[in-house]
Amino acid sequence: MGENKGNGLKSAFDLAMERLAKKGESLTTLTAEQKSALADIGARTKAKIAEIEILFDRKIGEIRASGDADALAKIEEEKRAEIAKLRDREESERRKIRA
């Protein structure tokens, strides 16, 4: 990759780093504690999502068996919303640790 810089070609990484520099940001090195905290957040979120999927999939199976399309759409949307809420919370916690 380094040889491409001389002839004007840049890697996606180099371009991304330039964009960050223009915004006044840069990559920061995380401490071992921060890395551990980020991994913990990811593991907890993954476990909570699995729990939600199990609970909702059971309900979805029951609703499919009943043939109620409206109730099925509603419960699937609730599942998506719960998962999205968890992922948003995870990203918020990750930002706090990185800051």
PDB file of N, CA and C in Angstrom:
ATOM      1  N   MET A   1       0.808  -1.205   0.000  1.00  0.00           N
ATOM      2  CA  MET A   1       0.000   0.000   0.000  1.00  0.00           C
ATOM      3  C   MET A   1       0.847   1.263   0.000  1.00  0.00           C
ATOM      4  N   GLY A   2       1.957   1.202   0.705  1.00  0.00           N
ATOM      5  CA  GLY A   2       2.804   2.371   0.798  1.00  0.00           C
ATOM      6  C   GLY A   2       3.333   2.819  -0.541  1.00  0.00           C
ATOM      7  N   GLU A   3       3.574   1.868  -1.466  1.00  0.00           N
ATOM      8  CA  GLU A   3       4.112   2.242  -2.758  1.00  0.00           C
ATOM      9  C   GLU A   3       3.105   3.008  -3.609  1.00  0.00           C
ATOM     10  N   ASN A   4       1.827   2.908  -3.326  1.00  0.00           N
ATOM     11  CA  ASN A   4       0.807   3.616  -4.093  1.00  0.00           C
ATOM     12  C   ASN A   4       0.764   5.105  -3.774  1.00  0.00           C
ATOM     13  N   LYS A   5       1.246   5.487  -2.618  1.00  0.00           N
ATOM     14  CA  LYS A   5       1.191   6.896  -2.224  1.00  0.00           C
ATOM     15  C   LYS A   5       2.044   7.765  -3.135  1.00  0.00           C
ATOM     16  N   GLY A   6       3.137   7.207  -3.642  1.00  0.00           N
ATOM     17  CA  GLY A   6       4.026   7.977  -4.497  1.00  0.00           C
ATOM     18  C   GLY A   6       3.400   8.335  -5.825  1.00  0.00           C
ATOM     19  N   ASN A   7       2.535   7.468  -6.354  1.00  0.00           N
ATOM     20  CA  ASN A   7       1.938   7.750  -7.653  1.00  0.00           C
ATOM     21  C   ASN A   7       0.534   8.345  -7.548  1.00  0.00           C
ATOM     22  N   GLY A   8       0.144   8.785  -6.368  1.00  0.00           N
ATOM     23  CA  GLY A   8      -1.131   9.473  -6.211  1.00  0.00           C
ATOM     24  C   GLY A   8      -2.283   8.606  -5.740  1.00  0.00           C
ATOM     25  N   LEU A   9      -2.141   7.290  -5.742  1.00  0.00           N
ATOM     26  CA  LEU A   9      -3.205   6.404  -5.277  1.00  0.00           C
ATOM     27  C   LEU A   9      -3.122   6.264  -3.766  1.00  0.00           C
ATOM     28  N   LYS A  10      -4.284   6.278  -3.122  1.00  0.00           N
ATOM     29  CA  LYS A  10      -4.318   6.162  -1.669  1.00  0.00           C
ATOM     30  C   LYS A  10      -5.281   5.054  -1.292  1.00  0.00           C
ATOM     31  N   SER A  11      -4.987   4.417  -0.184  1.00  0.00           N
ATOM     32  CA  SER A  11      -5.873   3.373   0.310  1.00  0.00           C
ATOM     33  C   SER A  11      -7.104   4.007   0.952  1.00  0.00           C
ATOM     34  N   ALA A  12      -8.113   3.191   1.173  1.00  0.00           N
ATOM     35  CA  ALA A  12      -9.322   3.671   1.842  1.00  0.00           C
ATOM     36  C   ALA A  12      -8.978   4.163   3.243  1.00  0.00           C
ATOM     37  N   PHE A  13      -8.036   3.490   3.883  1.00  0.00           N
ATOM     38  CA  PHE A  13      -7.615   3.901   5.215  1.00  0.00           C
ATOM     39  C   PHE A  13      -6.985   5.292   5.186  1.00  0.00           C
ATOM     40  N   ASP A  14      -6.110   5.520   4.201  1.00  0.00           N
ATOM     41  CA  ASP A  14      -5.465   6.829   4.089  1.00  0.00           C
ATOM     42  C   ASP A  14      -6.492   7.930   3.838  1.00  0.00           C
ATOM     43  N   LEU A  15      -7.462   7.644   2.995  1.00  0.00           N
ATOM     44  CA  LEU A  15      -8.509   8.634   2.706  1.00  0.00           C
ATOM     45  C   LEU A  15      -9.342   8.922   3.956  1.00  0.00           C
ATOM     46  N   ALA A  16      -9.666   7.874   4.693  1.00  0.00           N
ATOM     47  CA  ALA A  16     -10.445   8.060   5.919  1.00  0.00           C
ATOM     48  C   ALA A  16      -9.663   8.876   6.942  1.00  0.00           C
ATOM     49  N   MET A  17      -8.366   8.604   7.050  1.00  0.00           N
ATOM     50  CA  MET A  17      -7.534   9.360   7.987  1.00  0.00           C
ATOM     51  C   MET A  17      -7.471  10.837   7.590  1.00  0.00           C
ATOM     52  N   GLU A  18      -7.390  11.120   6.301  1.00  0.00           N
ATOM     53  CA  GLU A  18      -7.393  12.512   5.844  1.00  0.00           C
ATOM     54  C   GLU A  18      -8.701  13.198   6.200  1.00  0.00           C
ATOM     55  N   ARG A  19      -9.820  12.496   6.028  1.00  0.00           N
ATOM     56  CA  ARG A  19     -11.120  13.078   6.375  1.00  0.00           C
ATOM     57  C   ARG A  19     -11.192  13.375   7.868  1.00  0.00           C
ATOM     58  N   LEU A  20     -10.703  12.462   8.685  1.00  0.00           N
ATOM     59  CA  LEU A  20     -10.684  12.696  10.129  1.00  0.00           C
ATOM     60  C   LEU A  20      -9.821  13.904  10.481  1.00  0.00           C
ATOM     61  N   ALA A  21      -8.675  14.007   9.835  1.00  0.00           N
ATOM     62  CA  ALA A  21      -7.773  15.128  10.102  1.00  0.00           C
ATOM     63  C   ALA A  21      -8.434  16.455   9.743  1.00  0.00           C
ATOM     64  N   LYS A  22      -9.198  16.468   8.652  1.00  0.00           N
ATOM     65  CA  LYS A  22      -9.892  17.698   8.250  1.00  0.00           C
ATOM     66  C   LYS A  22     -10.932  18.097   9.291  1.00  0.00           C
ATOM     67  N   LYS A  23     -11.543  17.111   9.954  1.00  0.00           N
ATOM     68  CA  LYS A  23     -12.540  17.392  10.981  1.00  0.00           C
ATOM     69  C   LYS A  23     -11.892  17.719  12.321  1.00  0.00           C
ATOM     70  N   GLY A  24     -10.584  17.571  12.386  1.00  0.00           N
ATOM     71  CA  GLY A  24      -9.891  17.835  13.640  1.00  0.00           C
ATOM     72  C   GLY A  24      -9.887  16.629  14.558  1.00  0.00           C
ATOM     73  N   GLU A  25     -10.187  15.466  14.027  1.00  0.00           N
ATOM     74  CA  GLU A  25     -10.212  14.248  14.823  1.00  0.00           C
ATOM     75  C   GLU A  25      -9.055  13.357  14.411  1.00  0.00           C
ATOM     76  N   SER A  26      -8.780  12.393  15.244  1.00  0.00           N
ATOM     77  CA  SER A  26      -7.752  11.411  14.907  1.00  0.00           C
ATOM     78  C   SER A  26      -8.070  10.113  15.628  1.00  0.00           C
ATOM     79  N   LEU A  27      -7.378   9.067  15.241  1.00  0.00           N
ATOM     80  CA  LEU A  27      -7.540   7.799  15.935  1.00  0.00           C
ATOM     81  C   LEU A  27      -6.874   7.896  17.288  1.00  0.00           C
ATOM     82  N   THR A  28      -7.545   7.387  18.298  1.00  0.00           N
ATOM     83  CA  THR A  28      -6.954   7.391  19.627  1.00  0.00           C
ATOM     84  C   THR A  28      -6.617   5.963  20.013  1.00  0.00           C
ATOM     85  N   THR A  29      -5.590   5.817  20.795  1.00  0.00           N
ATOM     86  CA  THR A  29      -5.198   4.514  21.296  1.00  0.00           C
ATOM     87  C   THR A  29      -5.970   4.256  22.572  1.00  0.00           C
ATOM     88  N   LEU A  30      -6.609   3.103  22.635  1.00  0.00           N
ATOM     89  CA  LEU A  30      -7.398   2.753  23.806  1.00  0.00           C
ATOM     90  C   LEU A  30      -6.535   2.014  24.814  1.00  0.00           C
ATOM     91  N   THR A  31      -6.832   2.243  26.087  1.00  0.00           N
ATOM     92  CA  THR A  31      -6.140   1.520  27.147  1.00  0.00           C
ATOM     93  C   THR A  31      -6.712   0.108  27.243  1.00  0.00           C
ATOM     94  N   ALA A  32      -6.035  -0.748  27.962  1.00  0.00           N
ATOM     95  CA  ALA A  32      -6.514  -2.114  28.165  1.00  0.00           C
ATOM     96  C   ALA A  32      -7.863  -2.102  28.886  1.00  0.00           C
ATOM     97  N   GLU A  33      -8.023  -1.167  29.824  1.00  0.00           N
ATOM     98  CA  GLU A  33      -9.292  -1.056  30.549  1.00  0.00           C
ATOM     99  C   GLU A  33     -10.426  -0.663  29.613  1.00  0.00           C
ATOM    100  N   GLN A  34     -10.154   0.285  28.719  1.00  0.00           N
ATOM    101  CA  GLN A  34     -11.174   0.708  27.765  1.00  0.00           C
ATOM    102  C   GLN A  34     -11.534  -0.428  26.824  1.00  0.00           C
ATOM    103  N   LYS A  35     -10.540  -1.147  26.347  1.00  0.00           N
ATOM    104  CA  LYS A  35     -10.803  -2.280  25.459  1.00  0.00           C
ATOM    105  C   LYS A  35     -11.641  -3.337  26.163  1.00  0.00           C
ATOM    106  N   SER A  36     -11.321  -3.584  27.419  1.00  0.00           N
ATOM    107  CA  SER A  36     -12.075  -4.555  28.207  1.00  0.00           C
ATOM    108  C   SER A  36     -13.521  -4.097  28.405  1.00  0.00           C
ATOM    109  N   ALA A  37     -13.695  -2.822  28.708  1.00  0.00           N
ATOM    110  CA  ALA A  37     -15.041  -2.271  28.901  1.00  0.00           C
ATOM    111  C   ALA A  37     -15.848  -2.348  27.616  1.00  0.00           C
ATOM    112  N   LEU A  38     -15.210  -2.043  26.476  1.00  0.00           N
ATOM    113  CA  LEU A  38     -15.901  -2.126  25.189  1.00  0.00           C
ATOM    114  C   LEU A  38     -16.303  -3.566  24.885  1.00  0.00           C
ATOM    115  N   ALA A  39     -15.416  -4.508  25.177  1.00  0.00           N
ATOM    116  CA  ALA A  39     -15.735  -5.922  24.951  1.00  0.00           C
ATOM    117  C   ALA A  39     -16.885  -6.362  25.846  1.00  0.00           C
ATOM    118  N   ASP A  40     -16.889  -5.883  27.089  1.00  0.00           N
ATOM    119  CA  ASP A  40     -17.956  -6.223  28.031  1.00  0.00           C
ATOM    120  C   ASP A  40     -19.298  -5.679  27.544  1.00  0.00           C
ATOM    121  N   ILE A  41     -19.294  -4.458  27.074  1.00  0.00           N
ATOM    122  CA  ILE A  41     -20.522  -3.855  26.547  1.00  0.00           C
ATOM    123  C   ILE A  41     -21.038  -4.673  25.361  1.00  0.00           C
ATOM    124  N   GLY A  42     -20.132  -5.052  24.474  1.00  0.00           N
ATOM    125  CA  GLY A  42     -20.531  -5.851  23.315  1.00  0.00           C
ATOM    126  C   GLY A  42     -21.104  -7.191  23.717  1.00  0.00           C
ATOM    127  N   ALA A  43     -20.482  -7.844  24.685  1.00  0.00           N
ATOM    128  CA  ALA A  43     -20.957  -9.152  25.139  1.00  0.00           C
ATOM    129  C   ALA A  43     -22.332  -9.044  25.802  1.00  0.00           C
ATOM    130  N   ARG A  44     -22.500  -8.023  26.652  1.00  0.00           N
ATOM    131  CA  ARG A  44     -23.804  -7.837  27.306  1.00  0.00           C
ATOM    132  C   ARG A  44     -24.899  -7.561  26.297  1.00  0.00           C
ATOM    133  N   THR A  45     -24.595  -6.708  25.327  1.00  0.00           N
ATOM    134  CA  THR A  45     -25.589  -6.372  24.311  1.00  0.00           C
ATOM    135  C   THR A  45     -25.948  -7.599  23.495  1.00  0.00           C
ATOM    136  N   LYS A  46     -24.946  -8.366  23.125  1.00  0.00           N
ATOM    137  CA  LYS A  46     -25.184  -9.578  22.348  1.00  0.00           C
ATOM    138  C   LYS A  46     -26.083 -10.545  23.123  1.00  0.00           C
ATOM    139  N   ALA A  47     -25.852 -10.682  24.424  1.00  0.00           N
ATOM    140  CA  ALA A  47     -26.660 -11.567  25.260  1.00  0.00           C
ATOM    141  C   ALA A  47     -28.099 -11.059  25.371  1.00  0.00           C
ATOM    142  N   LYS A  48     -28.254  -9.755  25.541  1.00  0.00           N
ATOM    143  CA  LYS A  48     -29.603  -9.191  25.646  1.00  0.00           C
ATOM    144  C   LYS A  48     -30.366  -9.344  24.340  1.00  0.00           C
ATOM    145  N   ILE A  49     -29.679  -9.161  23.219  1.00  0.00           N
ATOM    146  CA  ILE A  49     -30.323  -9.329  21.916  1.00  0.00           C
ATOM    147  C   ILE A  49     -30.749 -10.782  21.737  1.00  0.00           C
ATOM    148  N   ALA A  50     -29.908 -11.715  22.139  1.00  0.00           N
ATOM    149  CA  ALA A  50     -30.261 -13.139  22.041  1.00  0.00           C
ATOM    150  C   ALA A  50     -31.489 -13.437  22.894  1.00  0.00           C
ATOM    151  N   GLU A  51     -31.548 -12.855  24.072  1.00  0.00           N
ATOM    152  CA  GLU A  51     -32.695 -13.047  24.956  1.00  0.00           C
ATOM    153  C   GLU A  51     -33.971 -12.496  24.309  1.00  0.00           C
ATOM    154  N   ILE A  52     -33.883 -11.314  23.753  1.00  0.00           N
ATOM    155  CA  ILE A  52     -35.045 -10.712  23.090  1.00  0.00           C
ATOM    156  C   ILE A  52     -35.487 -11.571  21.913  1.00  0.00           C
ATOM    157  N   GLU A  53     -34.518 -12.048  21.133  1.00  0.00           N
ATOM    158  CA  GLU A  53     -34.866 -12.876  19.982  1.00  0.00           C
ATOM    159  C   GLU A  53     -35.580 -14.148  20.409  1.00  0.00           C
ATOM    160  N   ILE A  54     -35.119 -14.774  21.484  1.00  0.00           N
ATOM    161  CA  ILE A  54     -35.762 -15.995  21.970  1.00  0.00           C
ATOM    162  C   ILE A  54     -37.197 -15.699  22.397  1.00  0.00           C
ATOM    163  N   LEU A  55     -37.371 -14.649  23.188  1.00  0.00           N
ATOM    164  CA  LEU A  55     -38.715 -14.320  23.675  1.00  0.00           C
ATOM    165  C   LEU A  55     -39.664 -13.948  22.536  1.00  0.00           C
ATOM    166  N   PHE A  56     -39.188 -13.093  21.648  1.00  0.00           N
ATOM    167  CA  PHE A  56     -40.050 -12.654  20.564  1.00  0.00           C
ATOM    168  C   PHE A  56     -40.295 -13.764  19.544  1.00  0.00           C
ATOM    169  N   ASP A  57     -39.299 -14.582  19.275  1.00  0.00           N
ATOM    170  CA  ASP A  57     -39.482 -15.659  18.300  1.00  0.00           C
ATOM    171  C   ASP A  57     -40.531 -16.651  18.775  1.00  0.00           C
ATOM    172  N   ARG A  58     -40.589 -16.866  20.081  1.00  0.00           N
ATOM    173  CA  ARG A  58     -41.623 -17.741  20.639  1.00  0.00           C
ATOM    174  C   ARG A  58     -43.005 -17.125  20.372  1.00  0.00           C
ATOM    175  N   LYS A  59     -43.133 -15.827  20.650  1.00  0.00           N
ATOM    176  CA  LYS A  59     -44.407 -15.141  20.409  1.00  0.00           C
ATOM    177  C   LYS A  59     -44.748 -15.123  18.921  1.00  0.00           C
ATOM    178  N   ILE A  60     -43.739 -14.878  18.099  1.00  0.00           N
ATOM    179  CA  ILE A  60     -43.948 -14.826  16.645  1.00  0.00           C
ATOM    180  C   ILE A  60     -44.438 -16.175  16.138  1.00  0.00           C
ATOM    181  N   GLY A  61     -43.875 -17.247  16.653  1.00  0.00           N
ATOM    182  CA  GLY A  61     -44.317 -18.588  16.261  1.00  0.00           C
ATOM    183  C   GLY A  61     -45.776 -18.825  16.606  1.00  0.00           C
ATOM    184  N   GLU A  62     -46.177 -18.389  17.786  1.00  0.00           N
ATOM    185  CA  GLU A  62     -47.576 -18.544  18.199  1.00  0.00           C
ATOM    186  C   GLU A  62     -48.507 -17.730  17.310  1.00  0.00           C
ATOM    187  N   ILE A  63     -48.102 -16.513  17.002  1.00  0.00           N
ATOM    188  CA  ILE A  63     -48.942 -15.640  16.178  1.00  0.00           C
ATOM    189  C   ILE A  63     -49.025 -16.179  14.750  1.00  0.00           C
ATOM    190  N   ARG A  64     -47.909 -16.680  14.218  1.00  0.00           N
ATOM    191  CA  ARG A  64     -47.942 -17.272  12.870  1.00  0.00           C
ATOM    192  C   ARG A  64     -48.919 -18.437  12.818  1.00  0.00           C
ATOM    193  N   ALA A  65     -48.920 -19.237  13.867  1.00  0.00           N
ATOM    194  CA  ALA A  65     -49.822 -20.386  13.920  1.00  0.00           C
ATOM    195  C   ALA A  65     -51.281 -19.945  13.914  1.00  0.00           C
ATOM    196  N   SER A  66     -51.548 -18.779  14.517  1.00  0.00           N
ATOM    197  CA  SER A  66     -52.923 -18.277  14.554  1.00  0.00           C
ATOM    198  C   SER A  66     -53.331 -17.632  13.235  1.00  0.00           C
ATOM    199  N   GLY A  67     -52.344 -17.233  12.423  1.00  0.00           N
ATOM    200  CA  GLY A  67     -52.634 -16.650  11.117  1.00  0.00           C
ATOM    201  C   GLY A  67     -52.992 -15.176  11.141  1.00  0.00           C
ATOM    202  N   ASP A  68     -52.733 -14.478  12.239  1.00  0.00           N
ATOM    203  CA  ASP A  68     -53.064 -13.056  12.369  1.00  0.00           C
ATOM    204  C   ASP A  68     -51.909 -12.208  11.808  1.00  0.00           C
ATOM    205  N   ALA A  69     -52.049 -11.770  10.571  1.00  0.00           N
ATOM    206  CA  ALA A  69     -50.982 -11.024   9.888  1.00  0.00           C
ATOM    207  C   ALA A  69     -50.712  -9.672  10.548  1.00  0.00           C
ATOM    208  N   ASP A  70     -51.746  -8.993  11.005  1.00  0.00           N
ATOM    209  CA  ASP A  70     -51.559  -7.683  11.646  1.00  0.00           C
ATOM    210  C   ASP A  70     -50.782  -7.816  12.954  1.00  0.00           C
ATOM    211  N   ALA A  71     -51.149  -8.808  13.755  1.00  0.00           N
ATOM    212  CA  ALA A  71     -50.458  -9.031  15.021  1.00  0.00           C
ATOM    213  C   ALA A  71     -49.015  -9.452  14.761  1.00  0.00           C
ATOM    214  N   LEU A  72     -48.801 -10.231  13.701  1.00  0.00           N
ATOM    215  CA  LEU A  72     -47.446 -10.659  13.353  1.00  0.00           C
ATOM    216  C   LEU A  72     -46.581  -9.461  12.977  1.00  0.00           C
ATOM    217  N   ALA A  73     -47.115  -8.573  12.159  1.00  0.00           N
ATOM    218  CA  ALA A  73     -46.366  -7.379  11.768  1.00  0.00           C
ATOM    219  C   ALA A  73     -46.058  -6.523  12.992  1.00  0.00           C
ATOM    220  N   LYS A  74     -47.015  -6.406  13.893  1.00  0.00           N
ATOM    221  CA  LYS A  74     -46.822  -5.590  15.092  1.00  0.00           C
ATOM    222  C   LYS A  74     -45.734  -6.176  15.991  1.00  0.00           C
ATOM    223  N   ILE A  75     -45.761  -7.474  16.218  1.00  0.00           N
ATOM    224  CA  ILE A  75     -44.776  -8.083  17.112  1.00  0.00           C
ATOM    225  C   ILE A  75     -43.383  -8.069  16.491  1.00  0.00           C
ATOM    226  N   GLU A  76     -43.300  -8.228  15.170  1.00  0.00           N
ATOM    227  CA  GLU A  76     -41.996  -8.157  14.507  1.00  0.00           C
ATOM    228  C   GLU A  76     -41.416  -6.746  14.590  1.00  0.00           C
ATOM    229  N   GLU A  77     -42.273  -5.741  14.491  1.00  0.00           N
ATOM    230  CA  GLU A  77     -41.814  -4.355  14.622  1.00  0.00           C
ATOM    231  C   GLU A  77     -41.351  -4.075  16.053  1.00  0.00           C
ATOM    232  N   GLU A  78     -42.070  -4.622  17.039  1.00  0.00           N
ATOM    233  CA  GLU A  78     -41.651  -4.469  18.434  1.00  0.00           C
ATOM    234  C   GLU A  78     -40.272  -5.090  18.647  1.00  0.00           C
ATOM    235  N   LYS A  79     -40.058  -6.255  18.056  1.00  0.00           N
ATOM    236  CA  LYS A  79     -38.764  -6.933  18.173  1.00  0.00           C
ATOM    237  C   LYS A  79     -37.661  -6.070  17.573  1.00  0.00           C
ATOM    238  N   ARG A  80     -37.898  -5.551  16.370  1.00  0.00           N
ATOM    239  CA  ARG A  80     -36.895  -4.691  15.725  1.00  0.00           C
ATOM    240  C   ARG A  80     -36.616  -3.450  16.568  1.00  0.00           C
ATOM    241  N   ALA A  81     -37.664  -2.861  17.138  1.00  0.00           N
ATOM    242  CA  ALA A  81     -37.505  -1.652  17.946  1.00  0.00           C
ATOM    243  C   ALA A  81     -36.691  -1.939  19.209  1.00  0.00           C
ATOM    244  N   GLU A  82     -36.960  -3.059  19.864  1.00  0.00           N
ATOM    245  CA  GLU A  82     -36.215  -3.417  21.072  1.00  0.00           C
ATOM    246  C   GLU A  82     -34.735  -3.640  20.761  1.00  0.00           C
ATOM    247  N   ILE A  83     -34.463  -4.328  19.670  1.00  0.00           N
ATOM    248  CA  ILE A  83     -33.076  -4.581  19.282  1.00  0.00           C
ATOM    249  C   ILE A  83     -32.382  -3.276  18.915  1.00  0.00           C
ATOM    250  N   ALA A  84     -33.073  -2.412  18.189  1.00  0.00           N
ATOM    251  CA  ALA A  84     -32.495  -1.116  17.817  1.00  0.00           C
ATOM    252  C   ALA A  84     -32.198  -0.280  19.058  1.00  0.00           C
ATOM    253  N   LYS A  85     -33.083  -0.329  20.040  1.00  0.00           N
ATOM    254  CA  LYS A  85     -32.882   0.420  21.284  1.00  0.00           C
ATOM    255  C   LYS A  85     -31.634  -0.083  22.018  1.00  0.00           C
ATOM    256  N   LEU A  86     -31.464  -1.395  22.044  1.00  0.00           N
ATOM    257  CA  LEU A  86     -30.270  -1.956  22.684  1.00  0.00           C
ATOM    258  C   LEU A  86     -28.998  -1.545  21.952  1.00  0.00           C
ATOM    259  N   ARG A  87     -29.038  -1.574  20.638  1.00  0.00           N
ATOM    260  CA  ARG A  87     -27.854  -1.200  19.857  1.00  0.00           C
ATOM    261  C   ARG A  87     -27.532   0.287  20.020  1.00  0.00           C
ATOM    262  N   ASP A  88     -28.565   1.120  20.093  1.00  0.00           N
ATOM    263  CA  ASP A  88     -28.340   2.550  20.323  1.00  0.00           C
ATOM    264  C   ASP A  88     -27.701   2.782  21.692  1.00  0.00           C
ATOM    265  N   ARG A  89     -28.208   2.074  22.701  1.00  0.00           N
ATOM    266  CA  ARG A  89     -27.657   2.198  24.048  1.00  0.00           C
ATOM    267  C   ARG A  89     -26.207   1.724  24.057  1.00  0.00           C
ATOM    268  N   GLU A  90     -25.937   0.619  23.345  1.00  0.00           N
ATOM    269  CA  GLU A  90     -24.568   0.110  23.263  1.00  0.00           C
ATOM    270  C   GLU A  90     -23.644   1.156  22.639  1.00  0.00           C
ATOM    271  N   GLU A  91     -24.067   1.748  21.544  1.00  0.00           N
ATOM    272  CA  GLU A  91     -23.223   2.747  20.872  1.00  0.00           C
ATOM    273  C   GLU A  91     -22.996   3.962  21.763  1.00  0.00           C
ATOM    274  N   SER A  92     -24.016   4.366  22.499  1.00  0.00           N
ATOM    275  CA  SER A  92     -23.874   5.495  23.420  1.00  0.00           C
ATOM    276  C   SER A  92     -22.844   5.180  24.506  1.00  0.00           C
ATOM    277  N   GLU A  93     -22.919   3.972  25.063  1.00  0.00           N
ATOM    278  CA  GLU A  93     -21.955   3.574  26.089  1.00  0.00           C
ATOM    279  C   GLU A  93     -20.549   3.496  25.512  1.00  0.00           C
ATOM    280  N   ARG A  94     -20.421   3.017  24.277  1.00  0.00           N
ATOM    281  CA  ARG A  94     -19.114   2.919  23.636  1.00  0.00           C
ATOM    282  C   ARG A  94     -18.517   4.316  23.427  1.00  0.00           C
ATOM    283  N   ARG A  95     -19.345   5.270  23.008  1.00  0.00           N
ATOM    284  CA  ARG A  95     -18.858   6.646  22.805  1.00  0.00           C
ATOM    285  C   ARG A  95     -18.331   7.231  24.104  1.00  0.00           C
ATOM    286  N   LYS A  96     -19.036   6.969  25.222  1.00  0.00           N
ATOM    287  CA  LYS A  96     -18.604   7.493  26.519  1.00  0.00           C
ATOM    288  C   LYS A  96     -17.238   6.944  26.897  1.00  0.00           C
ATOM    289  N   ILE A  97     -17.020   5.670  26.633  1.00  0.00           N
ATOM    290  CA  ILE A  97     -15.738   5.059  26.982  1.00  0.00           C
ATOM    291  C   ILE A  97     -14.628   5.611  26.094  1.00  0.00           C
ATOM    292  N   ARG A  98     -14.906   5.793  24.819  1.00  0.00           N
ATOM    293  CA  ARG A  98     -13.888   6.286  23.901  1.00  0.00           C
ATOM    294  C   ARG A  98     -13.523   7.743  24.135  1.00  0.00           C
ATOM    295  N   ALA A  99     -14.451   8.491  24.722  1.00  0.00           N
ATOM    296  CA  ALA A  99     -14.235   9.935  24.915  1.00  0.00           C
ATOM    297  C   ALA A  99     -13.238  10.232  26.007  1.00  0.00           C
TER     298      ALA A  99
END
